[in-house]
Amino acid sequence: MEELAKLLSGINWFISIVGAILLSILGNLLTTPVQNLLARRSMKRSKKRVGELKAQLSQIETFVNTPSTFYLFIISIMTRVTVITLIAFALSDMTSASINASVSLTRFIKIYPEILYAASQLLTALFYVIGVNYTLKALRVIKRVQHFSEYKGQIEKAIASLTKASPAISTAGDKASA
């Protein structure tokens, strides 16, 4: 058990959290290109991706046309981030309290403070990463609303390239609109 304690004490949690945040950002940046690449390979995926892109465009158009809806969306996201951050702070505070309590309990029950500390730190880091993901989502939406004409052009170009790759999509979409 002492080996585990030495291992856990040697891990720099700050670097781990920064690494998790960077991987989260990288994942968010690569998601759309990877989805489009995969969608070009399969007609079923292409249809699904075109539907997702149209839904995204519709949502941003709604935000552009009705600012109150946009403001409510942003307030909702920021409220979630605040709650998640408060949970992370609470977990962090509980860490020190649980370690002090667990040291006194080790006489009666086999609870290892190192394991409690590591688990609480991992949960805290997880909540911070979730908060960062919500924040990045809000920033992406804000950017799309601010630069709507550019965004609309990009989405239309992506839809055109996906329908060009799978002609059955455009004919199915034309039949549905007729």
C-alpha atoms as a PDB file:
ATOM      1  CA  MET A   1       0.000   0.000   0.000  1.00  0.00           C
ATOM      2  CA  GLU A   2       2.907   2.319   0.669  1.00  0.00           C
ATOM      3  CA  GLU A   3       3.985   1.866  -2.941  1.00  0.00           C
ATOM      4  CA  LEU A   4       0.587   3.164  -4.058  1.00  0.00           C
ATOM      5  CA  ALA A   5       0.935   6.115  -1.693  1.00  0.00           C
ATOM      6  CA  LYS A   6       4.366   6.945  -3.127  1.00  0.00           C
ATOM      7  CA  LEU A   7       3.055   6.633  -6.664  1.00  0.00           C
ATOM      8  CA  LEU A   8       0.061   8.882  -5.955  1.00  0.00           C
ATOM      9  CA  SER A   9       2.157  11.468  -4.160  1.00  0.00           C
ATOM     10  CA  GLY A  10       4.521  11.608  -7.143  1.00  0.00           C
ATOM     11  CA  ILE A  11       1.775  12.385  -9.637  1.00  0.00           C
ATOM     12  CA  ASN A  12       1.416  16.054 -10.368  1.00  0.00           C
ATOM     13  CA  TRP A  13      -2.331  16.601 -10.459  1.00  0.00           C
ATOM     14  CA  PHE A  14      -2.029  20.072 -11.918  1.00  0.00           C
ATOM     15  CA  ILE A  15      -0.302  18.683 -14.999  1.00  0.00           C
ATOM     16  CA  SER A  16      -2.947  15.973 -15.243  1.00  0.00           C
ATOM     17  CA  ILE A  17      -5.770  18.521 -15.192  1.00  0.00           C
ATOM     18  CA  VAL A  18      -4.057  20.723 -17.781  1.00  0.00           C
ATOM     19  CA  GLY A  19      -3.471  17.660 -19.963  1.00  0.00           C
ATOM     20  CA  ALA A  20      -7.118  16.635 -19.667  1.00  0.00           C
ATOM     21  CA  ILE A  21      -8.276  20.124 -20.631  1.00  0.00           C
ATOM     22  CA  LEU A  22      -5.935  20.204 -23.632  1.00  0.00           C
ATOM     23  CA  LEU A  23      -7.140  16.770 -24.784  1.00  0.00           C
ATOM     24  CA  SER A  24     -10.728  17.941 -24.370  1.00  0.00           C
ATOM     25  CA  ILE A  25     -10.079  20.990 -26.550  1.00  0.00           C
ATOM     26  CA  LEU A  26      -8.261  18.874 -29.152  1.00  0.00           C
ATOM     27  CA  GLY A  27     -11.155  16.408 -29.206  1.00  0.00           C
ATOM     28  CA  ASN A  28     -13.637  19.223 -29.760  1.00  0.00           C
ATOM     29  CA  LEU A  29     -11.563  20.650 -32.604  1.00  0.00           C
ATOM     30  CA  LEU A  30     -11.214  17.291 -34.370  1.00  0.00           C
ATOM     31  CA  THR A  31     -14.798  16.064 -33.948  1.00  0.00           C
ATOM     32  CA  THR A  32     -16.363  17.890 -36.914  1.00  0.00           C
ATOM     33  CA  PRO A  33     -13.669  17.036 -39.498  1.00  0.00           C
ATOM     34  CA  VAL A  34     -13.675  13.392 -38.435  1.00  0.00           C
ATOM     35  CA  GLN A  35     -17.482  13.230 -38.584  1.00  0.00           C
ATOM     36  CA  ASN A  36     -17.473  14.694 -42.097  1.00  0.00           C
ATOM     37  CA  LEU A  37     -14.740  12.290 -43.222  1.00  0.00           C
ATOM     38  CA  LEU A  38     -16.658   9.286 -41.905  1.00  0.00           C
ATOM     39  CA  ALA A  39     -19.922  10.587 -43.379  1.00  0.00           C
ATOM     40  CA  ARG A  40     -18.413  10.677 -46.876  1.00  0.00           C
ATOM     41  CA  ARG A  41     -17.672   6.950 -46.669  1.00  0.00           C
ATOM     42  CA  SER A  42     -21.220   5.743 -46.056  1.00  0.00           C
ATOM     43  CA  MET A  43     -24.599   6.826 -47.408  1.00  0.00           C
ATOM     44  CA  LYS A  44     -26.294   6.132 -44.075  1.00  0.00           C
ATOM     45  CA  ARG A  45     -23.722   8.226 -42.212  1.00  0.00           C
ATOM     46  CA  SER A  46     -23.981  10.947 -44.860  1.00  0.00           C
ATOM     47  CA  LYS A  47     -27.736  11.193 -44.357  1.00  0.00           C
ATOM     48  CA  LYS A  48     -27.287  11.344 -40.603  1.00  0.00           C
ATOM     49  CA  ARG A  49     -24.546  13.982 -40.834  1.00  0.00           C
ATOM     50  CA  VAL A  50     -26.572  16.141 -43.256  1.00  0.00           C
ATOM     51  CA  GLY A  51     -29.481  15.968 -40.806  1.00  0.00           C
ATOM     52  CA  GLU A  52     -27.193  17.020 -37.944  1.00  0.00           C
ATOM     53  CA  LEU A  53     -25.783  19.925 -39.965  1.00  0.00           C
ATOM     54  CA  LYS A  54     -29.265  21.116 -40.942  1.00  0.00           C
ATOM     55  CA  ALA A  55     -30.369  20.926 -37.289  1.00  0.00           C
ATOM     56  CA  GLN A  56     -27.304  22.945 -36.195  1.00  0.00           C
ATOM     57  CA  LEU A  57     -27.975  25.551 -38.881  1.00  0.00           C
ATOM     58  CA  SER A  58     -31.632  25.746 -37.857  1.00  0.00           C
ATOM     59  CA  GLN A  59     -30.676  26.271 -34.201  1.00  0.00           C
ATOM     60  CA  ILE A  60     -28.217  29.063 -35.046  1.00  0.00           C
ATOM     61  CA  GLU A  61     -30.788  30.699 -37.365  1.00  0.00           C
ATOM     62  CA  THR A  62     -33.258  30.659 -34.476  1.00  0.00           C
ATOM     63  CA  PHE A  63     -30.676  32.316 -32.225  1.00  0.00           C
ATOM     64  CA  VAL A  64     -29.941  34.976 -34.852  1.00  0.00           C
ATOM     65  CA  ASN A  65     -33.634  35.702 -35.468  1.00  0.00           C
ATOM     66  CA  THR A  66     -34.718  35.667 -31.796  1.00  0.00           C
ATOM     67  CA  PRO A  67     -31.988  37.044 -29.539  1.00  0.00           C
ATOM     68  CA  SER A  68     -33.955  36.299 -26.370  1.00  0.00           C
ATOM     69  CA  THR A  69     -33.726  32.571 -27.142  1.00  0.00           C
ATOM     70  CA  PHE A  70     -29.992  32.989 -27.667  1.00  0.00           C
ATOM     71  CA  TYR A  71     -29.579  34.792 -24.351  1.00  0.00           C
ATOM     72  CA  LEU A  72     -31.524  32.080 -22.518  1.00  0.00           C
ATOM     73  CA  PHE A  73     -29.323  29.417 -24.109  1.00  0.00           C
ATOM     74  CA  ILE A  74     -26.135  31.201 -22.989  1.00  0.00           C
ATOM     75  CA  ILE A  75     -27.502  31.761 -19.473  1.00  0.00           C
ATOM     76  CA  SER A  76     -28.437  28.082 -19.288  1.00  0.00           C
ATOM     77  CA  ILE A  77     -24.954  26.947 -20.307  1.00  0.00           C
ATOM     78  CA  MET A  78     -23.219  29.349 -17.931  1.00  0.00           C
ATOM     79  CA  THR A  79     -25.481  28.230 -15.061  1.00  0.00           C
ATOM     80  CA  ARG A  80     -24.468  24.626 -15.738  1.00  0.00           C
ATOM     81  CA  VAL A  81     -20.793  25.598 -15.762  1.00  0.00           C
ATOM     82  CA  THR A  82     -21.221  27.450 -12.462  1.00  0.00           C
ATOM     83  CA  VAL A  83     -22.932  24.480 -10.811  1.00  0.00           C
ATOM     84  CA  ILE A  84     -20.303  22.054 -12.115  1.00  0.00           C
ATOM     85  CA  THR A  85     -17.503  24.315 -10.874  1.00  0.00           C
ATOM     86  CA  LEU A  86     -19.138  24.578  -7.453  1.00  0.00           C
ATOM     87  CA  ILE A  87     -19.378  20.777  -7.302  1.00  0.00           C
ATOM     88  CA  ALA A  88     -15.689  20.556  -8.194  1.00  0.00           C
ATOM     89  CA  PHE A  89     -14.840  23.032  -5.413  1.00  0.00           C
ATOM     90  CA  ALA A  90     -16.948  21.036  -2.959  1.00  0.00           C
ATOM     91  CA  LEU A  91     -15.177  17.816  -3.922  1.00  0.00           C
ATOM     92  CA  SER A  92     -11.844  19.501  -3.477  1.00  0.00           C
ATOM     93  CA  ASP A  93     -12.820  20.735  -0.009  1.00  0.00           C
ATOM     94  CA  MET A  94     -14.180  17.324   0.911  1.00  0.00           C
ATOM     95  CA  THR A  95     -10.810  15.815   0.063  1.00  0.00           C
ATOM     96  CA  SER A  96      -9.031  17.352   3.011  1.00  0.00           C
ATOM     97  CA  ALA A  97     -11.937  16.627   5.347  1.00  0.00           C
ATOM     98  CA  SER A  98     -12.206  13.013   4.216  1.00  0.00           C
ATOM     99  CA  ILE A  99      -8.482  12.432   4.597  1.00  0.00           C
ATOM    100  CA  ASN A 100      -8.526  13.751   8.165  1.00  0.00           C
ATOM    101  CA  ALA A 101     -11.593  11.648   8.966  1.00  0.00           C
ATOM    102  CA  SER A 102     -10.222   8.544   7.264  1.00  0.00           C
ATOM    103  CA  VAL A 103      -6.977   8.710   9.229  1.00  0.00           C
ATOM    104  CA  SER A 104      -8.975   8.429  12.427  1.00  0.00           C
ATOM    105  CA  LEU A 105     -11.145   5.659  10.945  1.00  0.00           C
ATOM    106  CA  THR A 106      -8.202   3.521   9.831  1.00  0.00           C
ATOM    107  CA  ARG A 107      -8.062   2.018  13.302  1.00  0.00           C
ATOM    108  CA  PHE A 108     -11.556   0.549  12.819  1.00  0.00           C
ATOM    109  CA  ILE A 109     -11.958   0.150   9.075  1.00  0.00           C
ATOM    110  CA  LYS A 110      -9.366  -0.403   6.366  1.00  0.00           C
ATOM    111  CA  ILE A 111      -9.745   2.933   4.553  1.00  0.00           C
ATOM    112  CA  TYR A 112      -6.668   4.280   2.889  1.00  0.00           C
ATOM    113  CA  PRO A 113      -6.429   8.078   2.747  1.00  0.00           C
ATOM    114  CA  GLU A 114      -4.356   7.911  -0.431  1.00  0.00           C
ATOM    115  CA  ILE A 115      -7.123   6.137  -2.311  1.00  0.00           C
ATOM    116  CA  LEU A 116      -9.745   8.609  -1.084  1.00  0.00           C
ATOM    117  CA  TYR A 117      -7.509  11.510  -2.069  1.00  0.00           C
ATOM    118  CA  ALA A 118      -6.832  10.113  -5.531  1.00  0.00           C
ATOM    119  CA  ALA A 119     -10.512   9.361  -6.168  1.00  0.00           C
ATOM    120  CA  SER A 120     -11.633  12.805  -5.085  1.00  0.00           C
ATOM    121  CA  GLN A 121      -8.946  14.467  -7.212  1.00  0.00           C
ATOM    122  CA  LEU A 122     -10.017  12.440 -10.252  1.00  0.00           C
ATOM    123  CA  LEU A 123     -13.648  13.407  -9.711  1.00  0.00           C
ATOM    124  CA  THR A 124     -12.671  17.045  -9.304  1.00  0.00           C
ATOM    125  CA  ALA A 125     -10.679  16.943 -12.550  1.00  0.00           C
ATOM    126  CA  LEU A 126     -13.609  15.255 -14.302  1.00  0.00           C
ATOM    127  CA  PHE A 127     -15.993  18.008 -13.221  1.00  0.00           C
ATOM    128  CA  TYR A 128     -13.572  20.680 -14.412  1.00  0.00           C
ATOM    129  CA  VAL A 129     -13.290  18.993 -17.823  1.00  0.00           C
ATOM    130  CA  ILE A 130     -17.081  18.804 -18.083  1.00  0.00           C
ATOM    131  CA  GLY A 131     -17.261  22.510 -17.249  1.00  0.00           C
ATOM    132  CA  VAL A 132     -14.666  23.306 -19.917  1.00  0.00           C
ATOM    133  CA  ASN A 133     -16.657  21.307 -22.485  1.00  0.00           C
ATOM    134  CA  TYR A 134     -19.837  23.279 -21.724  1.00  0.00           C
ATOM    135  CA  THR A 135     -17.896  26.537 -21.948  1.00  0.00           C
ATOM    136  CA  LEU A 136     -16.378  25.572 -25.295  1.00  0.00           C
ATOM    137  CA  LYS A 137     -19.853  24.677 -26.590  1.00  0.00           C
ATOM    138  CA  ALA A 138     -21.156  28.100 -25.564  1.00  0.00           C
ATOM    139  CA  LEU A 139     -18.202  29.870 -27.165  1.00  0.00           C
ATOM    140  CA  ARG A 140     -18.707  27.907 -30.394  1.00  0.00           C
ATOM    141  CA  VAL A 141     -22.373  28.914 -30.530  1.00  0.00           C
ATOM    142  CA  ILE A 142     -21.537  32.555 -29.778  1.00  0.00           C
ATOM    143  CA  LYS A 143     -18.985  32.600 -32.593  1.00  0.00           C
ATOM    144  CA  ARG A 144     -21.482  31.042 -35.013  1.00  0.00           C
ATOM    145  CA  VAL A 145     -24.128  33.626 -34.135  1.00  0.00           C
ATOM    146  CA  GLN A 146     -21.666  36.508 -34.450  1.00  0.00           C
ATOM    147  CA  HIS A 147     -20.409  35.314 -37.842  1.00  0.00           C
ATOM    148  CA  PHE A 148     -23.639  33.771 -39.085  1.00  0.00           C
ATOM    149  CA  SER A 149     -23.193  34.424 -42.799  1.00  0.00           C
ATOM    150  CA  GLU A 150     -19.769  32.752 -42.814  1.00  0.00           C
ATOM    151  CA  TYR A 151     -21.079  29.854 -40.733  1.00  0.00           C
ATOM    152  CA  LYS A 152     -24.091  29.399 -43.010  1.00  0.00           C
ATOM    153  CA  GLY A 153     -21.779  29.301 -46.040  1.00  0.00           C
ATOM    154  CA  GLN A 154     -19.561  26.674 -44.390  1.00  0.00           C
ATOM    155  CA  ILE A 155     -22.538  24.499 -43.467  1.00  0.00           C
ATOM    156  CA  GLU A 156     -24.053  24.774 -46.941  1.00  0.00           C
ATOM    157  CA  LYS A 157     -20.691  23.862 -48.468  1.00  0.00           C
ATOM    158  CA  ALA A 158     -20.381  20.857 -46.123  1.00  0.00           C
ATOM    159  CA  ILE A 159     -23.915  19.716 -46.957  1.00  0.00           C
ATOM    160  CA  ALA A 160     -23.196  20.104 -50.670  1.00  0.00           C
ATOM    161  CA  SER A 161     -20.004  18.039 -50.405  1.00  0.00           C
ATOM    162  CA  LEU A 162     -21.820  15.332 -48.455  1.00  0.00           C
ATOM    163  CA  THR A 163     -24.721  15.206 -50.908  1.00  0.00           C
ATOM    164  CA  LYS A 164     -22.287  15.187 -53.824  1.00  0.00           C
ATOM    165  CA  ALA A 165     -20.522  12.188 -52.273  1.00  0.00           C
ATOM    166  CA  SER A 166     -23.888  10.426 -51.872  1.00  0.00           C
ATOM    167  CA  PRO A 167     -26.361  11.487 -54.587  1.00  0.00           C
ATOM    168  CA  ALA A 168     -29.157   9.474 -52.957  1.00  0.00           C
ATOM    169  CA  ILE A 169     -29.272  12.029 -50.146  1.00  0.00           C
ATOM    170  CA  SER A 170     -30.122  14.957 -52.369  1.00  0.00           C
ATOM    171  CA  THR A 171     -32.837  13.004 -54.211  1.00  0.00           C
ATOM    172  CA  ALA A 172     -34.300  11.793 -50.917  1.00  0.00           C
ATOM    173  CA  GLY A 173     -34.231  15.360 -49.590  1.00  0.00           C
ATOM    174  CA  ASP A 174     -35.873  16.658 -52.786  1.00  0.00           C
ATOM    175  CA  LYS A 175     -38.642  14.044 -52.535  1.00  0.00           C
ATOM    176  CA  ALA A 176     -39.257  14.974 -48.902  1.00  0.00           C
ATOM    177  CA  SER A 177     -39.540  18.675 -49.678  1.00  0.00           C
ATOM    178  CA  ALA A 178     -41.829  18.108 -52.686  1.00  0.00           C
END
